[in-house]
Amino acid sequence: MEISRLDKLLAFIENEPNDEFLKYALATEYLRLNDTDKALSYYEDLVTNHPNYTGTYYHLGKLYEALNRKDDAIRTYEVGMKITKEKRDNHAFSELQGVYMAAKGYEEDDDDDY
């Protein structure tokens, strides 16, 4: 019997329980499997215990949006933008800024109406 990707990740995390990449991979895998509770748990653990793992903020915010937790999504994007700006991670900052603006109700081409 073939070992699933989830089983492999769970085996890896047993040996490296604080590995941020493994936590992120598990969150992503649980999300892929539609287990939003476990995905949410891993994403929230990442922002709490590994706040500089910047890829988390986009995905956690999008999950909050999918769960109709818009205020949590907006706060997550704001924190992520602050951290990515401090780290000078312009690509991640730009992505977060885009989803933040959309969540707040601003469209990218709003300025075109003038």
PDB file of N, CA and C in Angstrom:
ATOM      1  N   MET A   1       0.840  -1.180   0.000  1.00  0.00           N
ATOM      2  CA  MET A   1       0.000   0.000   0.000  1.00  0.00           C
ATOM      3  C   MET A   1       0.893   1.254   0.000  1.00  0.00           C
ATOM      4  N   GLU A   2       0.532   2.207  -0.832  1.00  0.00           N
ATOM      5  CA  GLU A   2       1.296   3.440  -0.942  1.00  0.00           C
ATOM      6  C   GLU A   2       0.984   4.378   0.220  1.00  0.00           C
ATOM      7  N   ILE A   3       2.019   4.983   0.753  1.00  0.00           N
ATOM      8  CA  ILE A   3       1.844   5.937   1.844  1.00  0.00           C
ATOM      9  C   ILE A   3       1.412   7.268   1.241  1.00  0.00           C
ATOM     10  N   SER A   4       0.364   7.846   1.808  1.00  0.00           N
ATOM     11  CA  SER A   4      -0.155   9.113   1.288  1.00  0.00           C
ATOM     12  C   SER A   4       0.794  10.263   1.619  1.00  0.00           C
ATOM     13  N   ARG A   5       0.646  11.334   0.880  1.00  0.00           N
ATOM     14  CA  ARG A   5       1.437  12.541   1.123  1.00  0.00           C
ATOM     15  C   ARG A   5       1.201  13.024   2.556  1.00  0.00           C
ATOM     16  N   LEU A   6      -0.049  12.974   3.017  1.00  0.00           N
ATOM     17  CA  LEU A   6      -0.363  13.400   4.379  1.00  0.00           C
ATOM     18  C   LEU A   6       0.379  12.541   5.394  1.00  0.00           C
ATOM     19  N   ASP A   7       0.361  11.227   5.197  1.00  0.00           N
ATOM     20  CA  ASP A   7       1.048  10.339   6.135  1.00  0.00           C
ATOM     21  C   ASP A   7       2.545  10.620   6.172  1.00  0.00           C
ATOM     22  N   LYS A   8       3.130  10.893   5.010  1.00  0.00           N
ATOM     23  CA  LYS A   8       4.559  11.218   4.960  1.00  0.00           C
ATOM     24  C   LYS A   8       4.841  12.499   5.736  1.00  0.00           C
ATOM     25  N   LEU A   9       4.008  13.532   5.518  1.00  0.00           N
ATOM     26  CA  LEU A   9       4.209  14.798   6.228  1.00  0.00           C
ATOM     27  C   LEU A   9       4.051  14.630   7.730  1.00  0.00           C
ATOM     28  N   LEU A  10       3.068  13.833   8.141  1.00  0.00           N
ATOM     29  CA  LEU A  10       2.862  13.600   9.573  1.00  0.00           C
ATOM     30  C   LEU A  10       4.049  12.865  10.193  1.00  0.00           C
ATOM     31  N   ALA A  11       4.649  11.952   9.437  1.00  0.00           N
ATOM     32  CA  ALA A  11       5.840  11.250   9.922  1.00  0.00           C
ATOM     33  C   ALA A  11       7.010  12.226  10.059  1.00  0.00           C
ATOM     34  N   PHE A  12       7.156  13.106   9.075  1.00  0.00           N
ATOM     35  CA  PHE A  12       8.248  14.089   9.129  1.00  0.00           C
ATOM     36  C   PHE A  12       8.089  15.040  10.314  1.00  0.00           C
ATOM     37  N   ILE A  13       6.861  15.485  10.558  1.00  0.00           N
ATOM     38  CA  ILE A  13       6.631  16.477  11.625  1.00  0.00           C
ATOM     39  C   ILE A  13       6.873  15.868  13.006  1.00  0.00           C
ATOM     40  N   GLU A  14       6.730  14.550  13.116  1.00  0.00           N
ATOM     41  CA  GLU A  14       7.034  13.894  14.400  1.00  0.00           C
ATOM     42  C   GLU A  14       8.501  14.089  14.765  1.00  0.00           C
ATOM     43  N   ASN A  15       9.365  14.066  13.752  1.00  0.00           N
ATOM     44  CA  ASN A  15      10.803  14.231  13.991  1.00  0.00           C
ATOM     45  C   ASN A  15      11.213  15.696  14.066  1.00  0.00           C
ATOM     46  N   GLU A  16      10.451  16.561  13.452  1.00  0.00           N
ATOM     47  CA  GLU A  16      10.757  17.997  13.411  1.00  0.00           C
ATOM     48  C   GLU A  16       9.499  18.801  13.762  1.00  0.00           C
ATOM     49  N   PRO A  17       9.036  18.725  15.010  1.00  0.00           N
ATOM     50  CA  PRO A  17       7.740  19.328  15.364  1.00  0.00           C
ATOM     51  C   PRO A  17       7.667  20.850  15.230  1.00  0.00           C
ATOM     52  N   ASN A  18       8.795  21.518  15.152  1.00  0.00           N
ATOM     53  CA  ASN A  18       8.779  22.976  15.033  1.00  0.00           C
ATOM     54  C   ASN A  18       9.200  23.464  13.659  1.00  0.00           C
ATOM     55  N   ASP A  19       9.254  22.574  12.698  1.00  0.00           N
ATOM     56  CA  ASP A  19       9.670  22.947  11.349  1.00  0.00           C
ATOM     57  C   ASP A  19       8.552  23.719  10.654  1.00  0.00           C
ATOM     58  N   GLU A  20       8.831  24.983  10.364  1.00  0.00           N
ATOM     59  CA  GLU A  20       7.796  25.837   9.777  1.00  0.00           C
ATOM     60  C   GLU A  20       7.395  25.395   8.376  1.00  0.00           C
ATOM     61  N   PHE A  21       8.323  24.893   7.594  1.00  0.00           N
ATOM     62  CA  PHE A  21       7.969  24.429   6.254  1.00  0.00           C
ATOM     63  C   PHE A  21       7.038  23.223   6.329  1.00  0.00           C
ATOM     64  N   LEU A  22       7.310  22.297   7.251  1.00  0.00           N
ATOM     65  CA  LEU A  22       6.440  21.123   7.402  1.00  0.00           C
ATOM     66  C   LEU A  22       5.046  21.527   7.887  1.00  0.00           C
ATOM     67  N   LYS A  23       4.980  22.484   8.793  1.00  0.00           N
ATOM     68  CA  LYS A  23       3.673  22.970   9.257  1.00  0.00           C
ATOM     69  C   LYS A  23       2.897  23.589   8.094  1.00  0.00           C
ATOM     70  N   TYR A  24       3.601  24.361   7.285  1.00  0.00           N
ATOM     71  CA  TYR A  24       2.969  24.986   6.121  1.00  0.00           C
ATOM     72  C   TYR A  24       2.496  23.920   5.132  1.00  0.00           C
ATOM     73  N   ALA A  25       3.340  22.928   4.902  1.00  0.00           N
ATOM     74  CA  ALA A  25       2.977  21.841   3.986  1.00  0.00           C
ATOM     75  C   ALA A  25       1.770  21.071   4.507  1.00  0.00           C
ATOM     76  N   LEU A  26       1.717  20.842   5.805  1.00  0.00           N
ATOM     77  CA  LEU A  26       0.558  20.152   6.394  1.00  0.00           C
ATOM     78  C   LEU A  26      -0.704  20.994   6.270  1.00  0.00           C
ATOM     79  N   ALA A  27      -0.598  22.273   6.538  1.00  0.00           N
ATOM     80  CA  ALA A  27      -1.763  23.151   6.402  1.00  0.00           C
ATOM     81  C   ALA A  27      -2.287  23.105   4.977  1.00  0.00           C
ATOM     82  N   THR A  28      -1.380  23.187   4.027  1.00  0.00           N
ATOM     83  CA  THR A  28      -1.755  23.175   2.618  1.00  0.00           C
ATOM     84  C   THR A  28      -2.377  21.834   2.225  1.00  0.00           C
ATOM     85  N   GLU A  29      -1.809  20.756   2.728  1.00  0.00           N
ATOM     86  CA  GLU A  29      -2.345  19.423   2.411  1.00  0.00           C
ATOM     87  C   GLU A  29      -3.726  19.234   3.028  1.00  0.00           C
ATOM     88  N   TYR A  30      -3.902  19.641   4.269  1.00  0.00           N
ATOM     89  CA  TYR A  30      -5.230  19.538   4.888  1.00  0.00           C
ATOM     90  C   TYR A  30      -6.249  20.382   4.123  1.00  0.00           C
ATOM     91  N   LEU A  31      -5.828  21.546   3.675  1.00  0.00           N
ATOM     92  CA  LEU A  31      -6.735  22.384   2.892  1.00  0.00           C
ATOM     93  C   LEU A  31      -7.113  21.685   1.589  1.00  0.00           C
ATOM     94  N   ARG A  32      -6.129  21.064   0.952  1.00  0.00           N
ATOM     95  CA  ARG A  32      -6.382  20.325  -0.290  1.00  0.00           C
ATOM     96  C   ARG A  32      -7.384  19.187  -0.058  1.00  0.00           C
ATOM     97  N   LEU A  33      -7.330  18.605   1.137  1.00  0.00           N
ATOM     98  CA  LEU A  33      -8.223  17.501   1.502  1.00  0.00           C
ATOM     99  C   LEU A  33      -9.551  18.001   2.095  1.00  0.00           C
ATOM    100  N   ASN A  34      -9.768  19.308   2.064  1.00  0.00           N
ATOM    101  CA  ASN A  34     -10.984  19.947   2.593  1.00  0.00           C
ATOM    102  C   ASN A  34     -11.166  19.763   4.096  1.00  0.00           C
ATOM    103  N   ASP A  35     -10.073  19.602   4.813  1.00  0.00           N
ATOM    104  CA  ASP A  35     -10.129  19.556   6.269  1.00  0.00           C
ATOM    105  C   ASP A  35      -9.730  20.939   6.773  1.00  0.00           C
ATOM    106  N   THR A  36     -10.691  21.871   6.696  1.00  0.00           N
ATOM    107  CA  THR A  36     -10.376  23.258   6.995  1.00  0.00           C
ATOM    108  C   THR A  36     -10.008  23.488   8.462  1.00  0.00           C
ATOM    109  N   ASP A  37     -10.573  22.695   9.362  1.00  0.00           N
ATOM    110  CA  ASP A  37     -10.239  22.872  10.779  1.00  0.00           C
ATOM    111  C   ASP A  37      -8.758  22.610  11.042  1.00  0.00           C
ATOM    112  N   LYS A  38      -8.238  21.520  10.490  1.00  0.00           N
ATOM    113  CA  LYS A  38      -6.822  21.200  10.696  1.00  0.00           C
ATOM    114  C   LYS A  38      -5.932  22.176   9.935  1.00  0.00           C
ATOM    115  N   ALA A  39      -6.344  22.553   8.730  1.00  0.00           N
ATOM    116  CA  ALA A  39      -5.569  23.544   7.962  1.00  0.00           C
ATOM    117  C   ALA A  39      -5.490  24.845   8.754  1.00  0.00           C
ATOM    118  N   LEU A  40      -6.620  25.290   9.266  1.00  0.00           N
ATOM    119  CA  LEU A  40      -6.678  26.519  10.040  1.00  0.00           C
ATOM    120  C   LEU A  40      -5.775  26.433  11.268  1.00  0.00           C
ATOM    121  N   SER A  41      -5.780  25.301  11.924  1.00  0.00           N
ATOM    122  CA  SER A  41      -4.959  25.102  13.107  1.00  0.00           C
ATOM    123  C   SER A  41      -3.471  25.261  12.780  1.00  0.00           C
ATOM    124  N   TYR A  42      -3.030  24.662  11.698  1.00  0.00           N
ATOM    125  CA  TYR A  42      -1.616  24.778  11.316  1.00  0.00           C
ATOM    126  C   TYR A  42      -1.272  26.193  10.862  1.00  0.00           C
ATOM    127  N   TYR A  43      -2.127  26.821  10.068  1.00  0.00           N
ATOM    128  CA  TYR A  43      -1.860  28.194   9.638  1.00  0.00           C
ATOM    129  C   TYR A  43      -1.798  29.144  10.834  1.00  0.00           C
ATOM    130  N   GLU A  44      -2.741  28.992  11.764  1.00  0.00           N
ATOM    131  CA  GLU A  44      -2.744  29.867  12.939  1.00  0.00           C
ATOM    132  C   GLU A  44      -1.519  29.617  13.819  1.00  0.00           C
ATOM    133  N   ASP A  45      -1.096  28.371  13.912  1.00  0.00           N
ATOM    134  CA  ASP A  45       0.130  28.053  14.646  1.00  0.00           C
ATOM    135  C   ASP A  45       1.323  28.761  13.999  1.00  0.00           C
ATOM    136  N   LEU A  46       1.349  28.762  12.679  1.00  0.00           N
ATOM    137  CA  LEU A  46       2.456  29.411  11.974  1.00  0.00           C
ATOM    138  C   LEU A  46       2.519  30.911  12.253  1.00  0.00           C
ATOM    139  N   VAL A  47       1.395  31.617  12.170  1.00  0.00           N
ATOM    140  CA  VAL A  47       1.444  33.063  12.401  1.00  0.00           C
ATOM    141  C   VAL A  47       1.742  33.383  13.860  1.00  0.00           C
ATOM    142  N   THR A  48       1.392  32.486  14.757  1.00  0.00           N
ATOM    143  CA  THR A  48       1.677  32.701  16.177  1.00  0.00           C
ATOM    144  C   THR A  48       3.127  32.386  16.518  1.00  0.00           C
ATOM    145  N   ASN A  49       3.610  31.231  16.047  1.00  0.00           N
ATOM    146  CA  ASN A  49       4.926  30.749  16.448  1.00  0.00           C
ATOM    147  C   ASN A  49       6.039  30.986  15.426  1.00  0.00           C
ATOM    148  N   HIS A  50       5.672  31.308  14.207  1.00  0.00           N
ATOM    149  CA  HIS A  50       6.652  31.563  13.143  1.00  0.00           C
ATOM    150  C   HIS A  50       6.178  32.764  12.320  1.00  0.00           C
ATOM    151  N   PRO A  51       6.060  33.925  12.948  1.00  0.00           N
ATOM    152  CA  PRO A  51       5.457  35.080  12.259  1.00  0.00           C
ATOM    153  C   PRO A  51       6.224  35.552  11.030  1.00  0.00           C
ATOM    154  N   ASN A  52       7.484  35.203  10.907  1.00  0.00           N
ATOM    155  CA  ASN A  52       8.263  35.637   9.750  1.00  0.00           C
ATOM    156  C   ASN A  52       8.141  34.690   8.560  1.00  0.00           C
ATOM    157  N   TYR A  53       7.353  33.632   8.698  1.00  0.00           N
ATOM    158  CA  TYR A  53       7.105  32.741   7.563  1.00  0.00           C
ATOM    159  C   TYR A  53       5.994  33.386   6.741  1.00  0.00           C
ATOM    160  N   THR A  54       6.390  34.267   5.864  1.00  0.00           N
ATOM    161  CA  THR A  54       5.461  35.206   5.236  1.00  0.00           C
ATOM    162  C   THR A  54       4.429  34.575   4.311  1.00  0.00           C
ATOM    163  N   GLY A  55       4.705  33.412   3.756  1.00  0.00           N
ATOM    164  CA  GLY A  55       3.740  32.783   2.855  1.00  0.00           C
ATOM    165  C   GLY A  55       2.430  32.419   3.534  1.00  0.00           C
ATOM    166  N   THR A  56       2.456  32.325   4.831  1.00  0.00           N
ATOM    167  CA  THR A  56       1.273  31.931   5.587  1.00  0.00           C
ATOM    168  C   THR A  56       0.150  32.963   5.510  1.00  0.00           C
ATOM    169  N   TYR A  57       0.493  34.222   5.532  1.00  0.00           N
ATOM    170  CA  TYR A  57      -0.512  35.273   5.680  1.00  0.00           C
ATOM    171  C   TYR A  57      -1.513  35.293   4.526  1.00  0.00           C
ATOM    172  N   TYR A  58      -1.040  35.117   3.333  1.00  0.00           N
ATOM    173  CA  TYR A  58      -1.926  35.098   2.167  1.00  0.00           C
ATOM    174  C   TYR A  58      -2.924  33.936   2.292  1.00  0.00           C
ATOM    175  N   HIS A  59      -2.406  32.749   2.555  1.00  0.00           N
ATOM    176  CA  HIS A  59      -3.262  31.563   2.584  1.00  0.00           C
ATOM    177  C   HIS A  59      -4.199  31.540   3.786  1.00  0.00           C
ATOM    178  N   LEU A  60      -3.715  31.992   4.933  1.00  0.00           N
ATOM    179  CA  LEU A  60      -4.599  32.073   6.096  1.00  0.00           C
ATOM    180  C   LEU A  60      -5.703  33.095   5.850  1.00  0.00           C
ATOM    181  N   GLY A  61      -5.343  34.230   5.295  1.00  0.00           N
ATOM    182  CA  GLY A  61      -6.353  35.244   4.991  1.00  0.00           C
ATOM    183  C   GLY A  61      -7.404  34.722   4.026  1.00  0.00           C
ATOM    184  N   LYS A  62      -6.965  34.030   2.981  1.00  0.00           N
ATOM    185  CA  LYS A  62      -7.912  33.481   2.009  1.00  0.00           C
ATOM    186  C   LYS A  62      -8.808  32.428   2.661  1.00  0.00           C
ATOM    187  N   LEU A  63      -8.253  31.634   3.564  1.00  0.00           N
ATOM    188  CA  LEU A  63      -9.068  30.644   4.275  1.00  0.00           C
ATOM    189  C   LEU A  63     -10.085  31.344   5.170  1.00  0.00           C
ATOM    190  N   TYR A  64      -9.664  32.385   5.870  1.00  0.00           N
ATOM    191  CA  TYR A  64     -10.615  33.159   6.667  1.00  0.00           C
ATOM    192  C   TYR A  64     -11.738  33.705   5.784  1.00  0.00           C
ATOM    193  N   GLU A  65     -11.382  34.211   4.624  1.00  0.00           N
ATOM    194  CA  GLU A  65     -12.415  34.720   3.723  1.00  0.00           C
ATOM    195  C   GLU A  65     -13.386  33.612   3.326  1.00  0.00           C
ATOM    196  N   ALA A  66     -12.866  32.441   3.013  1.00  0.00           N
ATOM    197  CA  ALA A  66     -13.708  31.311   2.621  1.00  0.00           C
ATOM    198  C   ALA A  66     -14.629  30.883   3.767  1.00  0.00           C
ATOM    199  N   LEU A  67     -14.183  31.120   4.993  1.00  0.00           N
ATOM    200  CA  LEU A  67     -14.973  30.768   6.178  1.00  0.00           C
ATOM    201  C   LEU A  67     -15.859  31.927   6.636  1.00  0.00           C
ATOM    202  N   ASN A  68     -15.980  32.945   5.792  1.00  0.00           N
ATOM    203  CA  ASN A  68     -16.780  34.134   6.099  1.00  0.00           C
ATOM    204  C   ASN A  68     -16.307  34.854   7.358  1.00  0.00           C
ATOM    205  N   ARG A  69     -14.988  34.885   7.531  1.00  0.00           N
ATOM    206  CA  ARG A  69     -14.368  35.607   8.651  1.00  0.00           C
ATOM    207  C   ARG A  69     -13.556  36.763   8.066  1.00  0.00           C
ATOM    208  N   LYS A  70     -14.266  37.663   7.418  1.00  0.00           N
ATOM    209  CA  LYS A  70     -13.630  38.758   6.675  1.00  0.00           C
ATOM    210  C   LYS A  70     -12.759  39.645   7.557  1.00  0.00           C
ATOM    211  N   ASP A  71     -13.216  39.978   8.747  1.00  0.00           N
ATOM    212  CA  ASP A  71     -12.423  40.833   9.639  1.00  0.00           C
ATOM    213  C   ASP A  71     -11.099  40.159  10.007  1.00  0.00           C
ATOM    214  N   ASP A  72     -11.148  38.849  10.259  1.00  0.00           N
ATOM    215  CA  ASP A  72      -9.916  38.111  10.557  1.00  0.00           C
ATOM    216  C   ASP A  72      -8.995  38.111   9.339  1.00  0.00           C
ATOM    217  N   ALA A  73      -9.570  37.969   8.155  1.00  0.00           N
ATOM    218  CA  ALA A  73      -8.775  37.985   6.925  1.00  0.00           C
ATOM    219  C   ALA A  73      -8.078  39.327   6.766  1.00  0.00           C
ATOM    220  N   ILE A  74      -8.809  40.397   6.959  1.00  0.00           N
ATOM    221  CA  ILE A  74      -8.236  41.736   6.802  1.00  0.00           C
ATOM    222  C   ILE A  74      -7.105  41.958   7.804  1.00  0.00           C
ATOM    223  N   ARG A  75      -7.328  41.567   9.058  1.00  0.00           N
ATOM    224  CA  ARG A  75      -6.270  41.711  10.073  1.00  0.00           C
ATOM    225  C   ARG A  75      -5.043  40.875   9.699  1.00  0.00           C
ATOM    226  N   THR A  76      -5.277  39.680   9.179  1.00  0.00           N
ATOM    227  CA  THR A  76      -4.172  38.808   8.773  1.00  0.00           C
ATOM    228  C   THR A  76      -3.380  39.439   7.644  1.00  0.00           C
ATOM    229  N   TYR A  77      -4.075  39.995   6.659  1.00  0.00           N
ATOM    230  CA  TYR A  77      -3.388  40.673   5.556  1.00  0.00           C
ATOM    231  C   TYR A  77      -2.587  41.872   6.065  1.00  0.00           C
ATOM    232  N   GLU A  78      -3.161  42.619   7.009  1.00  0.00           N
ATOM    233  CA  GLU A  78      -2.467  43.795   7.545  1.00  0.00           C
ATOM    234  C   GLU A  78      -1.165  43.394   8.249  1.00  0.00           C
ATOM    235  N   VAL A  79      -1.238  42.361   9.074  1.00  0.00           N
ATOM    236  CA  VAL A  79      -0.031  41.899   9.768  1.00  0.00           C
ATOM    237  C   VAL A  79       0.985  41.392   8.751  1.00  0.00           C
ATOM    238  N   GLY A  80       0.511  40.634   7.782  1.00  0.00           N
ATOM    239  CA  GLY A  80       1.401  40.123   6.750  1.00  0.00           C
ATOM    240  C   GLY A  80       2.073  41.228   5.960  1.00  0.00           C
ATOM    241  N   MET A  81       1.314  42.276   5.632  1.00  0.00           N
ATOM    242  CA  MET A  81       1.910  43.401   4.900  1.00  0.00           C
ATOM    243  C   MET A  81       2.982  44.090   5.740  1.00  0.00           C
ATOM    244  N   LYS A  82       2.732  44.246   7.027  1.00  0.00           N
ATOM    245  CA  LYS A  82       3.711  44.879   7.910  1.00  0.00           C
ATOM    246  C   LYS A  82       5.004  44.060   7.932  1.00  0.00           C
ATOM    247  N   ILE A  83       4.873  42.755   8.089  1.00  0.00           N
ATOM    248  CA  ILE A  83       6.060  41.893   8.180  1.00  0.00           C
ATOM    249  C   ILE A  83       6.797  41.827   6.848  1.00  0.00           C
ATOM    250  N   THR A  84       6.057  41.683   5.751  1.00  0.00           N
ATOM    251  CA  THR A  84       6.741  41.604   4.449  1.00  0.00           C
ATOM    252  C   THR A  84       7.412  42.924   4.094  1.00  0.00           C
ATOM    253  N   LYS A  85       6.814  44.030   4.519  1.00  0.00           N
ATOM    254  CA  LYS A  85       7.439  45.332   4.272  1.00  0.00           C
ATOM    255  C   LYS A  85       8.741  45.444   5.063  1.00  0.00           C
ATOM    256  N   GLU A  86       8.709  45.013   6.337  1.00  0.00           N
ATOM    257  CA  GLU A  86       9.905  45.040   7.169  1.00  0.00           C
ATOM    258  C   GLU A  86      11.007  44.160   6.586  1.00  0.00           C
ATOM    259  N   LYS A  87      10.620  43.030   6.002  1.00  0.00           N
ATOM    260  CA  LYS A  87      11.594  42.097   5.422  1.00  0.00           C
ATOM    261  C   LYS A  87      11.989  42.487   3.998  1.00  0.00           C
ATOM    262  N   ARG A  88      11.349  43.528   3.488  1.00  0.00           N
ATOM    263  CA  ARG A  88      11.585  43.990   2.110  1.00  0.00           C
ATOM    264  C   ARG A  88      11.275  42.887   1.091  1.00  0.00           C
ATOM    265  N   ASP A  89      10.248  42.118   1.397  1.00  0.00           N
ATOM    266  CA  ASP A  89       9.770  41.077   0.484  1.00  0.00           C
ATOM    267  C   ASP A  89       8.668  41.705  -0.369  1.00  0.00           C
ATOM    268  N   ASN A  90       9.086  42.416  -1.399  1.00  0.00           N
ATOM    269  CA  ASN A  90       8.148  43.196  -2.198  1.00  0.00           C
ATOM    270  C   ASN A  90       7.114  42.348  -2.926  1.00  0.00           C
ATOM    271  N   HIS A  91       7.504  41.166  -3.364  1.00  0.00           N
ATOM    272  CA  HIS A  91       6.559  40.306  -4.073  1.00  0.00           C
ATOM    273  C   HIS A  91       5.419  39.881  -3.138  1.00  0.00           C
ATOM    274  N   ALA A  92       5.776  39.373  -1.958  1.00  0.00           N
ATOM    275  CA  ALA A  92       4.755  38.948  -0.995  1.00  0.00           C
ATOM    276  C   ALA A  92       3.917  40.142  -0.538  1.00  0.00           C
ATOM    277  N   PHE A  93       4.564  41.287  -0.324  1.00  0.00           N
ATOM    278  CA  PHE A  93       3.830  42.488   0.072  1.00  0.00           C
ATOM    279  C   PHE A  93       2.789  42.847  -0.980  1.00  0.00           C
ATOM    280  N   SER A  94       3.183  42.821  -2.235  1.00  0.00           N
ATOM    281  CA  SER A  94       2.279  43.174  -3.328  1.00  0.00           C
ATOM    282  C   SER A  94       1.080  42.224  -3.396  1.00  0.00           C
ATOM    283  N   GLU A  95       1.343  40.925  -3.234  1.00  0.00           N
ATOM    284  CA  GLU A  95       0.239  39.961  -3.246  1.00  0.00           C
ATOM    285  C   GLU A  95      -0.729  40.214  -2.091  1.00  0.00           C
ATOM    286  N   LEU A  96      -0.168  40.446  -0.912  1.00  0.00           N
ATOM    287  CA  LEU A  96      -1.015  40.714   0.250  1.00  0.00           C
ATOM    288  C   LEU A  96      -1.787  42.017   0.089  1.00  0.00           C
ATOM    289  N   GLN A  97      -1.143  43.013  -0.467  1.00  0.00           N
ATOM    290  CA  GLN A  97      -1.815  44.288  -0.681  1.00  0.00           C
ATOM    291  C   GLN A  97      -2.994  44.114  -1.634  1.00  0.00           C
ATOM    292  N   GLY A  98      -2.819  43.300  -2.662  1.00  0.00           N
ATOM    293  CA  GLY A  98      -3.901  43.057  -3.620  1.00  0.00           C
ATOM    294  C   GLY A  98      -5.108  42.390  -2.980  1.00  0.00           C
ATOM    295  N   VAL A  99      -4.876  41.339  -2.182  1.00  0.00           N
ATOM    296  CA  VAL A  99      -6.007  40.662  -1.551  1.00  0.00           C
ATOM    297  C   VAL A  99      -6.605  41.502  -0.437  1.00  0.00           C
ATOM    298  N   TYR A 100      -5.768  42.301   0.221  1.00  0.00           N
ATOM    299  CA  TYR A 100      -6.261  43.215   1.254  1.00  0.00           C
ATOM    300  C   TYR A 100      -7.208  44.240   0.639  1.00  0.00           C
ATOM    301  N   MET A 101      -6.791  44.846  -0.456  1.00  0.00           N
ATOM    302  CA  MET A 101      -7.622  45.852  -1.122  1.00  0.00           C
ATOM    303  C   MET A 101      -8.942  45.227  -1.586  1.00  0.00           C
ATOM    304  N   ALA A 102      -8.880  44.028  -2.125  1.00  0.00           N
ATOM    305  CA  ALA A 102     -10.103  43.349  -2.570  1.00  0.00           C
ATOM    306  C   ALA A 102     -11.010  43.050  -1.377  1.00  0.00           C
ATOM    307  N   ALA A 103     -10.423  42.600  -0.273  1.00  0.00           N
ATOM    308  CA  ALA A 103     -11.219  42.283   0.915  1.00  0.00           C
ATOM    309  C   ALA A 103     -11.878  43.537   1.497  1.00  0.00           C
ATOM    310  N   LYS A 104     -11.185  44.661   1.381  1.00  0.00           N
ATOM    311  CA  LYS A 104     -11.737  45.920   1.876  1.00  0.00           C
ATOM    312  C   LYS A 104     -12.768  46.513   0.915  1.00  0.00           C
ATOM    313  N   GLY A 105     -12.876  45.939  -0.288  1.00  0.00           N
ATOM    314  CA  GLY A 105     -13.870  46.397  -1.238  1.00  0.00           C
ATOM    315  C   GLY A 105     -13.357  47.354  -2.281  1.00  0.00           C
ATOM    316  N   TYR A 106     -12.035  47.506  -2.355  1.00  0.00           N
ATOM    317  CA  TYR A 106     -11.442  48.376  -3.373  1.00  0.00           C
ATOM    318  C   TYR A 106     -11.062  47.530  -4.574  1.00  0.00           C
ATOM    319  N   GLU A 107     -11.399  48.010  -5.741  1.00  0.00           N
ATOM    320  CA  GLU A 107     -10.996  47.324  -6.968  1.00  0.00           C
ATOM    321  C   GLU A 107      -9.729  47.979  -7.480  1.00  0.00           C
ATOM    322  N   GLU A 108      -8.881  47.183  -8.126  1.00  0.00           N
ATOM    323  CA  GLU A 108      -7.609  47.704  -8.619  1.00  0.00           C
ATOM    324  C   GLU A 108      -7.783  48.828  -9.625  1.00  0.00           C
ATOM    325  N   ASP A 109      -8.868  48.798 -10.400  1.00  0.00           N
ATOM    326  CA  ASP A 109      -9.037  49.806 -11.438  1.00  0.00           C
ATOM    327  C   ASP A 109     -10.030  50.902 -11.039  1.00  0.00           C
ATOM    328  N   ASP A 110     -10.230  51.113  -9.740  1.00  0.00           N
ATOM    329  CA  ASP A 110     -11.139  52.161  -9.287  1.00  0.00           C
ATOM    330  C   ASP A 110     -10.699  53.547  -9.785  1.00  0.00           C
ATOM    331  N   ASP A 111      -9.396  53.754  -9.933  1.00  0.00           N
ATOM    332  CA  ASP A 111      -8.885  55.051 -10.368  1.00  0.00           C
ATOM    333  C   ASP A 111      -9.190  55.351 -11.836  1.00  0.00           C
ATOM    334  N   ASP A 112      -9.569  54.341 -12.593  1.00  0.00           N
ATOM    335  CA  ASP A 112      -9.824  54.523 -14.011  1.00  0.00           C
ATOM    336  C   ASP A 112     -11.098  55.310 -14.307  1.00  0.00           C
ATOM    337  N   ASP A 113     -11.909  55.546 -13.294  1.00  0.00           N
ATOM    338  CA  ASP A 113     -13.187  56.225 -13.506  1.00  0.00           C
ATOM    339  C   ASP A 113     -13.036  57.738 -13.601  1.00  0.00           C
ATOM    340  N   TYR A 114     -11.862  58.267 -13.380  1.00  0.00           N
ATOM    341  CA  TYR A 114     -11.664  59.716 -13.373  1.00  0.00           C
ATOM    342  C   TYR A 114     -11.344  60.259 -14.722  1.00  0.00           C
TER     343      TYR A 114
END
